[in-house]
Amino acid sequence: MVYKLTKDATVEQLKAAGLGDNYAQRDHALFYANSSGVPWTASYIQAKGDPIADLYEDIAAEEKARATYQWLIDMTDDVDLQDSLKFLREREIVHSLRFREAVEIIKADREQKKIF
């Protein structure tokens, strides 16, 4: 999405938008970082080893992503960009719902008596 928005931008336009440093190192390619410029790291991925705890962590991540997409939608008046962001937001909602269903399945399974 970012590439689509910047692919036809001139070097001067990228500099004016604050993307000059990125262009100098990566052309129009993305560098995964948060809004403060802190690079992405695998340490952002949380895992406890307990299926229910891990699924709740996944649900929280999906809801945070949903909220971010909504904020981005609210920041632009570009209808095509809004449509793309709305698709991504809805995908996060579906993921969250599926993780919630998985939690309920695991809880129900734990409550059943096991006979071996």
PDB file of N, CA and C in Angstrom:
ATOM      1  N   MET A   1       0.830  -1.175   0.000  1.00  0.00           N
ATOM      2  CA  MET A   1       0.000   0.000   0.000  1.00  0.00           C
ATOM      3  C   MET A   1       0.880   1.246   0.000  1.00  0.00           C
ATOM      4  N   VAL A   2       1.912   1.244   0.866  1.00  0.00           N
ATOM      5  CA  VAL A   2       2.815   2.390   0.901  1.00  0.00           C
ATOM      6  C   VAL A   2       3.529   2.527  -0.432  1.00  0.00           C
ATOM      7  N   TYR A   3       3.944   1.401  -1.004  1.00  0.00           N
ATOM      8  CA  TYR A   3       4.610   1.449  -2.308  1.00  0.00           C
ATOM      9  C   TYR A   3       3.680   2.062  -3.359  1.00  0.00           C
ATOM     10  N   LYS A   4       2.425   1.647  -3.359  1.00  0.00           N
ATOM     11  CA  LYS A   4       1.470   2.201  -4.328  1.00  0.00           C
ATOM     12  C   LYS A   4       1.327   3.713  -4.164  1.00  0.00           C
ATOM     13  N   LEU A   5       1.361   4.186  -2.926  1.00  0.00           N
ATOM     14  CA  LEU A   5       1.201   5.611  -2.670  1.00  0.00           C
ATOM     15  C   LEU A   5       2.444   6.424  -3.020  1.00  0.00           C
ATOM     16  N   THR A   6       3.616   5.766  -3.040  1.00  0.00           N
ATOM     17  CA  THR A   6       4.864   6.503  -3.270  1.00  0.00           C
ATOM     18  C   THR A   6       5.564   6.151  -4.573  1.00  0.00           C
ATOM     19  N   LYS A   7       5.066   5.184  -5.328  1.00  0.00           N
ATOM     20  CA  LYS A   7       5.793   4.691  -6.500  1.00  0.00           C
ATOM     21  C   LYS A   7       6.057   5.756  -7.554  1.00  0.00           C
ATOM     22  N   ASP A   8       5.185   6.717  -7.707  1.00  0.00           N
ATOM     23  CA  ASP A   8       5.377   7.762  -8.708  1.00  0.00           C
ATOM     24  C   ASP A   8       5.919   9.062  -8.112  1.00  0.00           C
ATOM     25  N   ALA A   9       6.231   9.039  -6.817  1.00  0.00           N
ATOM     26  CA  ALA A   9       6.731  10.255  -6.166  1.00  0.00           C
ATOM     27  C   ALA A   9       8.163  10.547  -6.616  1.00  0.00           C
ATOM     28  N   THR A  10       8.454  11.819  -6.783  1.00  0.00           N
ATOM     29  CA  THR A  10       9.821  12.223  -7.121  1.00  0.00           C
ATOM     30  C   THR A  10      10.659  12.231  -5.850  1.00  0.00           C
ATOM     31  N   VAL A  11      11.969  12.293  -6.018  1.00  0.00           N
ATOM     32  CA  VAL A  11      12.861  12.367  -4.866  1.00  0.00           C
ATOM     33  C   VAL A  11      12.535  13.613  -4.036  1.00  0.00           C
ATOM     34  N   GLU A  12      12.242  14.714  -4.686  1.00  0.00           N
ATOM     35  CA  GLU A  12      11.901  15.954  -3.978  1.00  0.00           C
ATOM     36  C   GLU A  12      10.623  15.782  -3.152  1.00  0.00           C
ATOM     37  N   GLN A  13       9.621  15.100  -3.713  1.00  0.00           N
ATOM     38  CA  GLN A  13       8.376  14.860  -2.975  1.00  0.00           C
ATOM     39  C   GLN A  13       8.610  13.936  -1.787  1.00  0.00           C
ATOM     40  N   LEU A  14       9.458  12.926  -1.966  1.00  0.00           N
ATOM     41  CA  LEU A  14       9.777  12.035  -0.854  1.00  0.00           C
ATOM     42  C   LEU A  14      10.493  12.795   0.262  1.00  0.00           C
ATOM     43  N   LYS A  15      11.435  13.654  -0.121  1.00  0.00           N
ATOM     44  CA  LYS A  15      12.138  14.471   0.878  1.00  0.00           C
ATOM     45  C   LYS A  15      11.155  15.374   1.621  1.00  0.00           C
ATOM     46  N   ALA A  16      10.259  16.011   0.879  1.00  0.00           N
ATOM     47  CA  ALA A  16       9.277  16.915   1.488  1.00  0.00           C
ATOM     48  C   ALA A  16       8.353  16.175   2.453  1.00  0.00           C
ATOM     49  N   ALA A  17       8.105  14.903   2.183  1.00  0.00           N
ATOM     50  CA  ALA A  17       7.233  14.095   3.039  1.00  0.00           C
ATOM     51  C   ALA A  17       7.990  13.480   4.215  1.00  0.00           C
ATOM     52  N   GLY A  18       9.290  13.759   4.319  1.00  0.00           N
ATOM     53  CA  GLY A  18      10.088  13.201   5.412  1.00  0.00           C
ATOM     54  C   GLY A  18      10.605  11.807   5.137  1.00  0.00           C
ATOM     55  N   LEU A  19      10.566  11.395   3.872  1.00  0.00           N
ATOM     56  CA  LEU A  19      11.009  10.044   3.513  1.00  0.00           C
ATOM     57  C   LEU A  19      12.357  10.035   2.794  1.00  0.00           C
ATOM     58  N   GLY A  20      13.077  11.143   2.858  1.00  0.00           N
ATOM     59  CA  GLY A  20      14.361  11.234   2.173  1.00  0.00           C
ATOM     60  C   GLY A  20      15.373  10.213   2.662  1.00  0.00           C
ATOM     61  N   ASP A  21      15.471  10.045   3.981  1.00  0.00           N
ATOM     62  CA  ASP A  21      16.420   9.071   4.538  1.00  0.00           C
ATOM     63  C   ASP A  21      16.069   7.655   4.103  1.00  0.00           C
ATOM     64  N   ASN A  22      14.790   7.331   4.111  1.00  0.00           N
ATOM     65  CA  ASN A  22      14.353   6.001   3.683  1.00  0.00           C
ATOM     66  C   ASN A  22      14.711   5.785   2.217  1.00  0.00           C
ATOM     67  N   TYR A  23      14.442   6.787   1.371  1.00  0.00           N
ATOM     68  CA  TYR A  23      14.727   6.664  -0.062  1.00  0.00           C
ATOM     69  C   TYR A  23      16.220   6.458  -0.295  1.00  0.00           C
ATOM     70  N   ALA A  24      17.038   7.182   0.450  1.00  0.00           N
ATOM     71  CA  ALA A  24      18.490   7.090   0.262  1.00  0.00           C
ATOM     72  C   ALA A  24      19.000   5.688   0.529  1.00  0.00           C
ATOM     73  N   GLN A  25      18.371   4.988   1.432  1.00  0.00           N
ATOM     74  CA  GLN A  25      18.813   3.638   1.771  1.00  0.00           C
ATOM     75  C   GLN A  25      18.049   2.538   1.060  1.00  0.00           C
ATOM     76  N   ARG A  26      16.740   2.763   0.782  1.00  0.00           N
ATOM     77  CA  ARG A  26      15.891   1.647   0.345  1.00  0.00           C
ATOM     78  C   ARG A  26      15.055   1.927  -0.893  1.00  0.00           C
ATOM     79  N   ASP A  27      15.262   3.062  -1.555  1.00  0.00           N
ATOM     80  CA  ASP A  27      14.443   3.444  -2.701  1.00  0.00           C
ATOM     81  C   ASP A  27      12.986   3.518  -2.226  1.00  0.00           C
ATOM     82  N   HIS A  28      12.060   2.859  -2.882  1.00  0.00           N
ATOM     83  CA  HIS A  28      10.644   2.893  -2.486  1.00  0.00           C
ATOM     84  C   HIS A  28      10.262   1.675  -1.626  1.00  0.00           C
ATOM     85  N   ALA A  29      11.237   0.855  -1.238  1.00  0.00           N
ATOM     86  CA  ALA A  29      10.952  -0.333  -0.430  1.00  0.00           C
ATOM     87  C   ALA A  29      10.602   0.067   1.001  1.00  0.00           C
ATOM     88  N   LEU A  30       9.876  -0.810   1.659  1.00  0.00           N
ATOM     89  CA  LEU A  30       9.471  -0.554   3.037  1.00  0.00           C
ATOM     90  C   LEU A  30      10.549  -0.975   4.018  1.00  0.00           C
ATOM     91  N   PHE A  31      10.641  -0.256   5.117  1.00  0.00           N
ATOM     92  CA  PHE A  31      11.478  -0.639   6.242  1.00  0.00           C
ATOM     93  C   PHE A  31      10.530  -0.728   7.422  1.00  0.00           C
ATOM     94  N   TYR A  32      10.377  -1.904   7.971  1.00  0.00           N
ATOM     95  CA  TYR A  32       9.369  -2.119   9.004  1.00  0.00           C
ATOM     96  C   TYR A  32       9.801  -1.487  10.323  1.00  0.00           C
ATOM     97  N   ALA A  33       9.080  -0.453  10.697  1.00  0.00           N
ATOM     98  CA  ALA A  33       9.351   0.275  11.931  1.00  0.00           C
ATOM     99  C   ALA A  33       8.029   0.820  12.457  1.00  0.00           C
ATOM    100  N   ASN A  34       8.006   1.139  13.750  1.00  0.00           N
ATOM    101  CA  ASN A  34       6.786   1.729  14.292  1.00  0.00           C
ATOM    102  C   ASN A  34       6.760   3.225  13.978  1.00  0.00           C
ATOM    103  N   SER A  35       5.745   3.925  14.437  1.00  0.00           N
ATOM    104  CA  SER A  35       5.579   5.333  14.081  1.00  0.00           C
ATOM    105  C   SER A  35       6.669   6.229  14.663  1.00  0.00           C
ATOM    106  N   SER A  36       7.426   5.706  15.627  1.00  0.00           N
ATOM    107  CA  SER A  36       8.555   6.460  16.186  1.00  0.00           C
ATOM    108  C   SER A  36       9.864   6.118  15.497  1.00  0.00           C
ATOM    109  N   GLY A  37       9.808   5.218  14.520  1.00  0.00           N
ATOM    110  CA  GLY A  37      11.015   4.838  13.788  1.00  0.00           C
ATOM    111  C   GLY A  37      11.772   3.675  14.392  1.00  0.00           C
ATOM    112  N   VAL A  38      11.217   3.041  15.428  1.00  0.00           N
ATOM    113  CA  VAL A  38      11.891   1.902  16.050  1.00  0.00           C
ATOM    114  C   VAL A  38      11.687   0.679  15.164  1.00  0.00           C
ATOM    115  N   PRO A  39      12.785   0.043  14.716  1.00  0.00           N
ATOM    116  CA  PRO A  39      12.658  -1.107  13.808  1.00  0.00           C
ATOM    117  C   PRO A  39      11.874  -2.260  14.421  1.00  0.00           C
ATOM    118  N   TRP A  40      11.195  -2.998  13.548  1.00  0.00           N
ATOM    119  CA  TRP A  40      10.463  -4.187  13.990  1.00  0.00           C
ATOM    120  C   TRP A  40      11.455  -5.243  14.441  1.00  0.00           C
ATOM    121  N   THR A  41      11.066  -5.985  15.456  1.00  0.00           N
ATOM    122  CA  THR A  41      11.893  -7.077  15.959  1.00  0.00           C
ATOM    123  C   THR A  41      10.998  -8.235  16.367  1.00  0.00           C
ATOM    124  N   ALA A  42      11.520  -9.425  16.282  1.00  0.00           N
ATOM    125  CA  ALA A  42      10.740 -10.606  16.654  1.00  0.00           C
ATOM    126  C   ALA A  42      10.377 -10.605  18.135  1.00  0.00           C
ATOM    127  N   SER A  43      11.026  -9.767  18.944  1.00  0.00           N
ATOM    128  CA  SER A  43      10.689  -9.716  20.372  1.00  0.00           C
ATOM    129  C   SER A  43       9.275  -9.184  20.596  1.00  0.00           C
ATOM    130  N   TYR A  44       8.653  -8.608  19.546  1.00  0.00           N
ATOM    131  CA  TYR A  44       7.273  -8.162  19.661  1.00  0.00           C
ATOM    132  C   TYR A  44       6.307  -9.345  19.740  1.00  0.00           C
ATOM    133  N   ILE A  45       6.745 -10.507  19.314  1.00  0.00           N
ATOM    134  CA  ILE A  45       5.890 -11.692  19.313  1.00  0.00           C
ATOM    135  C   ILE A  45       5.918 -12.299  20.712  1.00  0.00           C
ATOM    136  N   GLN A  46       4.754 -12.445  21.290  1.00  0.00           N
ATOM    137  CA  GLN A  46       4.648 -12.982  22.645  1.00  0.00           C
ATOM    138  C   GLN A  46       4.140 -14.422  22.601  1.00  0.00           C
ATOM    139  N   ALA A  47       4.711 -15.275  23.419  1.00  0.00           N
ATOM    140  CA  ALA A  47       4.236 -16.655  23.540  1.00  0.00           C
ATOM    141  C   ALA A  47       4.520 -17.132  24.952  1.00  0.00           C
ATOM    142  N   LYS A  48       3.519 -17.720  25.571  1.00  0.00           N
ATOM    143  CA  LYS A  48       3.646 -18.239  26.934  1.00  0.00           C
ATOM    144  C   LYS A  48       3.761 -19.754  26.937  1.00  0.00           C
ATOM    145  N   GLY A  49       3.214 -20.390  25.908  1.00  0.00           N
ATOM    146  CA  GLY A  49       3.206 -21.844  25.882  1.00  0.00           C
ATOM    147  C   GLY A  49       1.887 -22.430  26.348  1.00  0.00           C
ATOM    148  N   ASP A  50       1.014 -21.601  26.871  1.00  0.00           N
ATOM    149  CA  ASP A  50      -0.327 -22.011  27.262  1.00  0.00           C
ATOM    150  C   ASP A  50      -1.264 -21.589  26.132  1.00  0.00           C
ATOM    151  N   PRO A  51      -1.992 -22.535  25.544  1.00  0.00           N
ATOM    152  CA  PRO A  51      -2.810 -22.187  24.375  1.00  0.00           C
ATOM    153  C   PRO A  51      -3.799 -21.053  24.615  1.00  0.00           C
ATOM    154  N   ILE A  52      -4.439 -21.045  25.773  1.00  0.00           N
ATOM    155  CA  ILE A  52      -5.430 -19.997  26.034  1.00  0.00           C
ATOM    156  C   ILE A  52      -4.746 -18.648  26.213  1.00  0.00           C
ATOM    157  N   ALA A  53      -3.664 -18.599  26.981  1.00  0.00           N
ATOM    158  CA  ALA A  53      -2.935 -17.341  27.164  1.00  0.00           C
ATOM    159  C   ALA A  53      -2.406 -16.828  25.830  1.00  0.00           C
ATOM    160  N   ASP A  54      -1.865 -17.728  25.011  1.00  0.00           N
ATOM    161  CA  ASP A  54      -1.320 -17.327  23.709  1.00  0.00           C
ATOM    162  C   ASP A  54      -2.424 -16.836  22.773  1.00  0.00           C
ATOM    163  N   LEU A  55      -3.584 -17.471  22.819  1.00  0.00           N
ATOM    164  CA  LEU A  55      -4.694 -17.021  21.973  1.00  0.00           C
ATOM    165  C   LEU A  55      -5.205 -15.647  22.415  1.00  0.00           C
ATOM    166  N   TYR A  56      -5.251 -15.405  23.733  1.00  0.00           N
ATOM    167  CA  TYR A  56      -5.649 -14.076  24.189  1.00  0.00           C
ATOM    168  C   TYR A  56      -4.639 -13.020  23.742  1.00  0.00           C
ATOM    169  N   GLU A  57      -3.365 -13.364  23.710  1.00  0.00           N
ATOM    170  CA  GLU A  57      -2.336 -12.458  23.191  1.00  0.00           C
ATOM    171  C   GLU A  57      -2.589 -12.172  21.712  1.00  0.00           C
ATOM    172  N   ASP A  58      -2.951 -13.223  20.964  1.00  0.00           N
ATOM    173  CA  ASP A  58      -3.264 -13.053  19.540  1.00  0.00           C
ATOM    174  C   ASP A  58      -4.492 -12.160  19.355  1.00  0.00           C
ATOM    175  N   ILE A  59      -5.515 -12.362  20.189  1.00  0.00           N
ATOM    176  CA  ILE A  59      -6.724 -11.536  20.107  1.00  0.00           C
ATOM    177  C   ILE A  59      -6.370 -10.076  20.350  1.00  0.00           C
ATOM    178  N   ALA A  60      -5.549  -9.834  21.364  1.00  0.00           N
ATOM    179  CA  ALA A  60      -5.143  -8.455  21.660  1.00  0.00           C
ATOM    180  C   ALA A  60      -4.395  -7.836  20.485  1.00  0.00           C
ATOM    181  N   ALA A  61      -3.515  -8.599  19.848  1.00  0.00           N
ATOM    182  CA  ALA A  61      -2.762  -8.085  18.697  1.00  0.00           C
ATOM    183  C   ALA A  61      -3.700  -7.743  17.543  1.00  0.00           C
ATOM    184  N   GLU A  62      -4.680  -8.601  17.295  1.00  0.00           N
ATOM    185  CA  GLU A  62      -5.628  -8.339  16.206  1.00  0.00           C
ATOM    186  C   GLU A  62      -6.456  -7.087  16.495  1.00  0.00           C
ATOM    187  N   GLU A  63      -6.862  -6.914  17.739  1.00  0.00           N
ATOM    188  CA  GLU A  63      -7.663  -5.744  18.103  1.00  0.00           C
ATOM    189  C   GLU A  63      -6.837  -4.463  18.022  1.00  0.00           C
ATOM    190  N   LYS A  64      -5.557  -4.543  18.372  1.00  0.00           N
ATOM    191  CA  LYS A  64      -4.683  -3.371  18.236  1.00  0.00           C
ATOM    192  C   LYS A  64      -4.507  -3.009  16.764  1.00  0.00           C
ATOM    193  N   ALA A  65      -4.354  -4.017  15.918  1.00  0.00           N
ATOM    194  CA  ALA A  65      -4.223  -3.765  14.482  1.00  0.00           C
ATOM    195  C   ALA A  65      -5.512  -3.161  13.930  1.00  0.00           C
ATOM    196  N   ARG A  66      -6.653  -3.676  14.372  1.00  0.00           N
ATOM    197  CA  ARG A  66      -7.940  -3.137  13.939  1.00  0.00           C
ATOM    198  C   ARG A  66      -8.050  -1.659  14.297  1.00  0.00           C
ATOM    199  N   ALA A  67      -7.676  -1.327  15.517  1.00  0.00           N
ATOM    200  CA  ALA A  67      -7.744   0.067  15.956  1.00  0.00           C
ATOM    201  C   ALA A  67      -6.811   0.948  15.121  1.00  0.00           C
ATOM    202  N   THR A  68      -5.627   0.456  14.817  1.00  0.00           N
ATOM    203  CA  THR A  68      -4.679   1.225  13.998  1.00  0.00           C
ATOM    204  C   THR A  68      -5.239   1.474  12.611  1.00  0.00           C
ATOM    205  N   TYR A  69      -5.812   0.441  11.997  1.00  0.00           N
ATOM    206  CA  TYR A  69      -6.417   0.628  10.670  1.00  0.00           C
ATOM    207  C   TYR A  69      -7.534   1.664  10.731  1.00  0.00           C
ATOM    208  N   GLN A  70      -8.331   1.639  11.791  1.00  0.00           N
ATOM    209  CA  GLN A  70      -9.408   2.621  11.917  1.00  0.00           C
ATOM    210  C   GLN A  70      -8.845   4.031  12.023  1.00  0.00           C
ATOM    211  N   TRP A  71      -7.780   4.200  12.799  1.00  0.00           N
ATOM    212  CA  TRP A  71      -7.166   5.531  12.917  1.00  0.00           C
ATOM    213  C   TRP A  71      -6.633   5.997  11.572  1.00  0.00           C
ATOM    214  N   LEU A  72      -6.038   5.077  10.804  1.00  0.00           N
ATOM    215  CA  LEU A  72      -5.533   5.444   9.473  1.00  0.00           C
ATOM    216  C   LEU A  72      -6.678   5.819   8.532  1.00  0.00           C
ATOM    217  N   ILE A  73      -7.781   5.067   8.615  1.00  0.00           N
ATOM    218  CA  ILE A  73      -8.962   5.393   7.804  1.00  0.00           C
ATOM    219  C   ILE A  73      -9.436   6.806   8.132  1.00  0.00           C
ATOM    220  N   ASP A  74      -9.459   7.132   9.415  1.00  0.00           N
ATOM    221  CA  ASP A  74      -9.929   8.450   9.850  1.00  0.00           C
ATOM    222  C   ASP A  74      -8.980   9.578   9.431  1.00  0.00           C
ATOM    223  N   MET A  75      -7.728   9.246   9.130  1.00  0.00           N
ATOM    224  CA  MET A  75      -6.732  10.267   8.791  1.00  0.00           C
ATOM    225  C   MET A  75      -6.707  10.634   7.308  1.00  0.00           C
ATOM    226  N   THR A  76      -7.365   9.850   6.457  1.00  0.00           N
ATOM    227  CA  THR A  76      -7.288  10.121   5.027  1.00  0.00           C
ATOM    228  C   THR A  76      -8.662  10.352   4.423  1.00  0.00           C
ATOM    229  N   ASP A  77      -8.665  11.123   3.350  1.00  0.00           N
ATOM    230  CA  ASP A  77      -9.907  11.275   2.604  1.00  0.00           C
ATOM    231  C   ASP A  77      -9.804  10.609   1.234  1.00  0.00           C
ATOM    232  N   ASP A  78      -8.726   9.856   1.015  1.00  0.00           N
ATOM    233  CA  ASP A  78      -8.528   9.111  -0.225  1.00  0.00           C
ATOM    234  C   ASP A  78      -9.408   7.858  -0.183  1.00  0.00           C
ATOM    235  N   VAL A  79     -10.439   7.823  -1.003  1.00  0.00           N
ATOM    236  CA  VAL A  79     -11.426   6.735  -0.970  1.00  0.00           C
ATOM    237  C   VAL A  79     -10.779   5.384  -1.292  1.00  0.00           C
ATOM    238  N   ASP A  80      -9.876   5.346  -2.271  1.00  0.00           N
ATOM    239  CA  ASP A  80      -9.227   4.077  -2.617  1.00  0.00           C
ATOM    240  C   ASP A  80      -8.381   3.565  -1.460  1.00  0.00           C
ATOM    241  N   LEU A  81      -7.661   4.452  -0.798  1.00  0.00           N
ATOM    242  CA  LEU A  81      -6.866   4.053   0.358  1.00  0.00           C
ATOM    243  C   LEU A  81      -7.774   3.598   1.491  1.00  0.00           C
ATOM    244  N   GLN A  82      -8.858   4.317   1.710  1.00  0.00           N
ATOM    245  CA  GLN A  82      -9.814   3.913   2.748  1.00  0.00           C
ATOM    246  C   GLN A  82     -10.363   2.513   2.474  1.00  0.00           C
ATOM    247  N   ASP A  83     -10.682   2.220   1.212  1.00  0.00           N
ATOM    248  CA  ASP A  83     -11.202   0.892   0.869  1.00  0.00           C
ATOM    249  C   ASP A  83     -10.193  -0.199   1.208  1.00  0.00           C
ATOM    250  N   SER A  84      -8.925   0.025   0.880  1.00  0.00           N
ATOM    251  CA  SER A  84      -7.887  -0.961   1.198  1.00  0.00           C
ATOM    252  C   SER A  84      -7.753  -1.133   2.701  1.00  0.00           C
ATOM    253  N   LEU A  85      -7.748  -0.025   3.420  1.00  0.00           N
ATOM    254  CA  LEU A  85      -7.625  -0.089   4.875  1.00  0.00           C
ATOM    255  C   LEU A  85      -8.838  -0.748   5.513  1.00  0.00           C
ATOM    256  N   LYS A  86     -10.027  -0.508   4.962  1.00  0.00           N
ATOM    257  CA  LYS A  86     -11.235  -1.143   5.492  1.00  0.00           C
ATOM    258  C   LYS A  86     -11.183  -2.655   5.306  1.00  0.00           C
ATOM    259  N   PHE A  87     -10.661  -3.102   4.163  1.00  0.00           N
ATOM    260  CA  PHE A  87     -10.503  -4.543   3.945  1.00  0.00           C
ATOM    261  C   PHE A  87      -9.572  -5.123   5.001  1.00  0.00           C
ATOM    262  N   LEU A  88      -8.445  -4.464   5.231  1.00  0.00           N
ATOM    263  CA  LEU A  88      -7.487  -4.956   6.222  1.00  0.00           C
ATOM    264  C   LEU A  88      -8.084  -4.927   7.633  1.00  0.00           C
ATOM    265  N   ARG A  89      -8.840  -3.876   7.949  1.00  0.00           N
ATOM    266  CA  ARG A  89      -9.493  -3.787   9.257  1.00  0.00           C
ATOM    267  C   ARG A  89     -10.471  -4.936   9.453  1.00  0.00           C
ATOM    268  N   GLU A  90     -11.276  -5.222   8.432  1.00  0.00           N
ATOM    269  CA  GLU A  90     -12.251  -6.307   8.538  1.00  0.00           C
ATOM    270  C   GLU A  90     -11.561  -7.660   8.695  1.00  0.00           C
ATOM    271  N   ARG A  91     -10.418  -7.823   8.041  1.00  0.00           N
ATOM    272  CA  ARG A  91      -9.656  -9.064   8.172  1.00  0.00           C
ATOM    273  C   ARG A  91      -9.192  -9.258   9.616  1.00  0.00           C
ATOM    274  N   GLU A  92      -8.771  -8.181  10.263  1.00  0.00           N
ATOM    275  CA  GLU A  92      -8.358  -8.275  11.666  1.00  0.00           C
ATOM    276  C   GLU A  92      -9.533  -8.669  12.546  1.00  0.00           C
ATOM    277  N   ILE A  93     -10.720  -8.162  12.244  1.00  0.00           N
ATOM    278  CA  ILE A  93     -11.913  -8.509  13.023  1.00  0.00           C
ATOM    279  C   ILE A  93     -12.207  -9.998  12.892  1.00  0.00           C
ATOM    280  N   VAL A  94     -12.122 -10.520  11.670  1.00  0.00           N
ATOM    281  CA  VAL A  94     -12.368 -11.951  11.444  1.00  0.00           C
ATOM    282  C   VAL A  94     -11.330 -12.789  12.181  1.00  0.00           C
ATOM    283  N   HIS A  95     -10.070 -12.382  12.121  1.00  0.00           N
ATOM    284  CA  HIS A  95      -9.017 -13.125  12.840  1.00  0.00           C
ATOM    285  C   HIS A  95      -9.329 -13.155  14.337  1.00  0.00           C
ATOM    286  N   SER A  96      -9.704 -12.005  14.880  1.00  0.00           N
ATOM    287  CA  SER A  96     -10.024 -11.933  16.305  1.00  0.00           C
ATOM    288  C   SER A  96     -11.171 -12.876  16.655  1.00  0.00           C
ATOM    289  N   LEU A  97     -12.203 -12.886  15.825  1.00  0.00           N
ATOM    290  CA  LEU A  97     -13.345 -13.776  16.074  1.00  0.00           C
ATOM    291  C   LEU A  97     -12.936 -15.248  16.031  1.00  0.00           C
ATOM    292  N   ARG A  98     -12.078 -15.609  15.075  1.00  0.00           N
ATOM    293  CA  ARG A  98     -11.640 -17.011  14.975  1.00  0.00           C
ATOM    294  C   ARG A  98     -10.803 -17.411  16.189  1.00  0.00           C
ATOM    295  N   PHE A  99      -9.932 -16.498  16.666  1.00  0.00           N
ATOM    296  CA  PHE A  99      -9.141 -16.791  17.865  1.00  0.00           C
ATOM    297  C   PHE A  99     -10.054 -16.955  19.079  1.00  0.00           C
ATOM    298  N   ARG A 100     -11.100 -16.123  19.164  1.00  0.00           N
ATOM    299  CA  ARG A 100     -12.049 -16.243  20.283  1.00  0.00           C
ATOM    300  C   ARG A 100     -12.775 -17.593  20.234  1.00  0.00           C
ATOM    301  N   GLU A 101     -13.134 -18.025  19.032  1.00  0.00           N
ATOM    302  CA  GLU A 101     -13.765 -19.341  18.882  1.00  0.00           C
ATOM    303  C   GLU A 101     -12.814 -20.448  19.320  1.00  0.00           C
ATOM    304  N   ALA A 102     -11.548 -20.310  18.971  1.00  0.00           N
ATOM    305  CA  ALA A 102     -10.557 -21.321  19.364  1.00  0.00           C
ATOM    306  C   ALA A 102     -10.423 -21.393  20.880  1.00  0.00           C
ATOM    307  N   VAL A 103     -10.464 -20.251  21.549  1.00  0.00           N
ATOM    308  CA  VAL A 103     -10.415 -20.233  23.019  1.00  0.00           C
ATOM    309  C   VAL A 103     -11.580 -21.032  23.584  1.00  0.00           C
ATOM    310  N   GLU A 104     -12.777 -20.820  23.060  1.00  0.00           N
ATOM    311  CA  GLU A 104     -13.958 -21.525  23.562  1.00  0.00           C
ATOM    312  C   GLU A 104     -13.861 -23.024  23.303  1.00  0.00           C
ATOM    313  N   ILE A 105     -13.316 -23.409  22.176  1.00  0.00           N
ATOM    314  CA  ILE A 105     -13.134 -24.837  21.867  1.00  0.00           C
ATOM    315  C   ILE A 105     -12.171 -25.468  22.862  1.00  0.00           C
ATOM    316  N   ILE A 106     -11.077 -24.786  23.142  1.00  0.00           N
ATOM    317  CA  ILE A 106     -10.090 -25.324  24.097  1.00  0.00           C
ATOM    318  C   ILE A 106     -10.682 -25.404  25.494  1.00  0.00           C
ATOM    319  N   LYS A 107     -11.416 -24.372  25.902  1.00  0.00           N
ATOM    320  CA  LYS A 107     -12.048 -24.395  27.226  1.00  0.00           C
ATOM    321  C   LYS A 107     -13.027 -25.558  27.332  1.00  0.00           C
ATOM    322  N   ALA A 108     -13.837 -25.780  26.312  1.00  0.00           N
ATOM    323  CA  ALA A 108     -14.808 -26.878  26.329  1.00  0.00           C
ATOM    324  C   ALA A 108     -14.093 -28.216  26.375  1.00  0.00           C
ATOM    325  N   ASP A 109     -13.012 -28.333  25.649  1.00  0.00           N
ATOM    326  CA  ASP A 109     -12.246 -29.585  25.645  1.00  0.00           C
ATOM    327  C   ASP A 109     -11.629 -29.873  26.992  1.00  0.00           C
ATOM    328  N   ARG A 110     -11.160 -28.848  27.667  1.00  0.00           N
ATOM    329  CA  ARG A 110     -10.546 -29.023  28.988  1.00  0.00           C
ATOM    330  C   ARG A 110     -11.558 -29.485  30.024  1.00  0.00           C
ATOM    331  N   GLU A 111     -12.816 -29.118  29.840  1.00  0.00           N
ATOM    332  CA  GLU A 111     -13.858 -29.464  30.793  1.00  0.00           C
ATOM    333  C   GLU A 111     -14.364 -30.904  30.610  1.00  0.00           C
ATOM    334  N   GLN A 112     -14.089 -31.510  29.470  1.00  0.00           N
ATOM    335  CA  GLN A 112     -14.535 -32.874  29.229  1.00  0.00           C
ATOM    336  C   GLN A 112     -13.631 -33.876  29.949  1.00  0.00           C
ATOM    337  N   LYS A 113     -14.273 -34.884  30.504  1.00  0.00           N
ATOM    338  CA  LYS A 113     -13.525 -35.929  31.187  1.00  0.00           C
ATOM    339  C   LYS A 113     -12.789 -36.752  30.153  1.00  0.00           C
ATOM    340  N   LYS A 114     -11.545 -37.012  30.429  1.00  0.00           N
ATOM    341  CA  LYS A 114     -10.718 -37.786  29.494  1.00  0.00           C
ATOM    342  C   LYS A 114     -10.681 -39.247  29.978  1.00  0.00           C
ATOM    343  N   ILE A 115     -10.971 -40.132  29.038  1.00  0.00           N
ATOM    344  CA  ILE A 115     -10.927 -41.568  29.348  1.00  0.00           C
ATOM    345  C   ILE A 115      -9.973 -42.199  28.341  1.00  0.00           C
ATOM    346  N   PHE A 116      -8.950 -42.824  28.883  1.00  0.00           N
ATOM    347  CA  PHE A 116      -7.948 -43.457  28.001  1.00  0.00           C
ATOM    348  C   PHE A 116      -7.885 -44.925  28.266  1.00  0.00           C
TER     349      PHE A 116
END
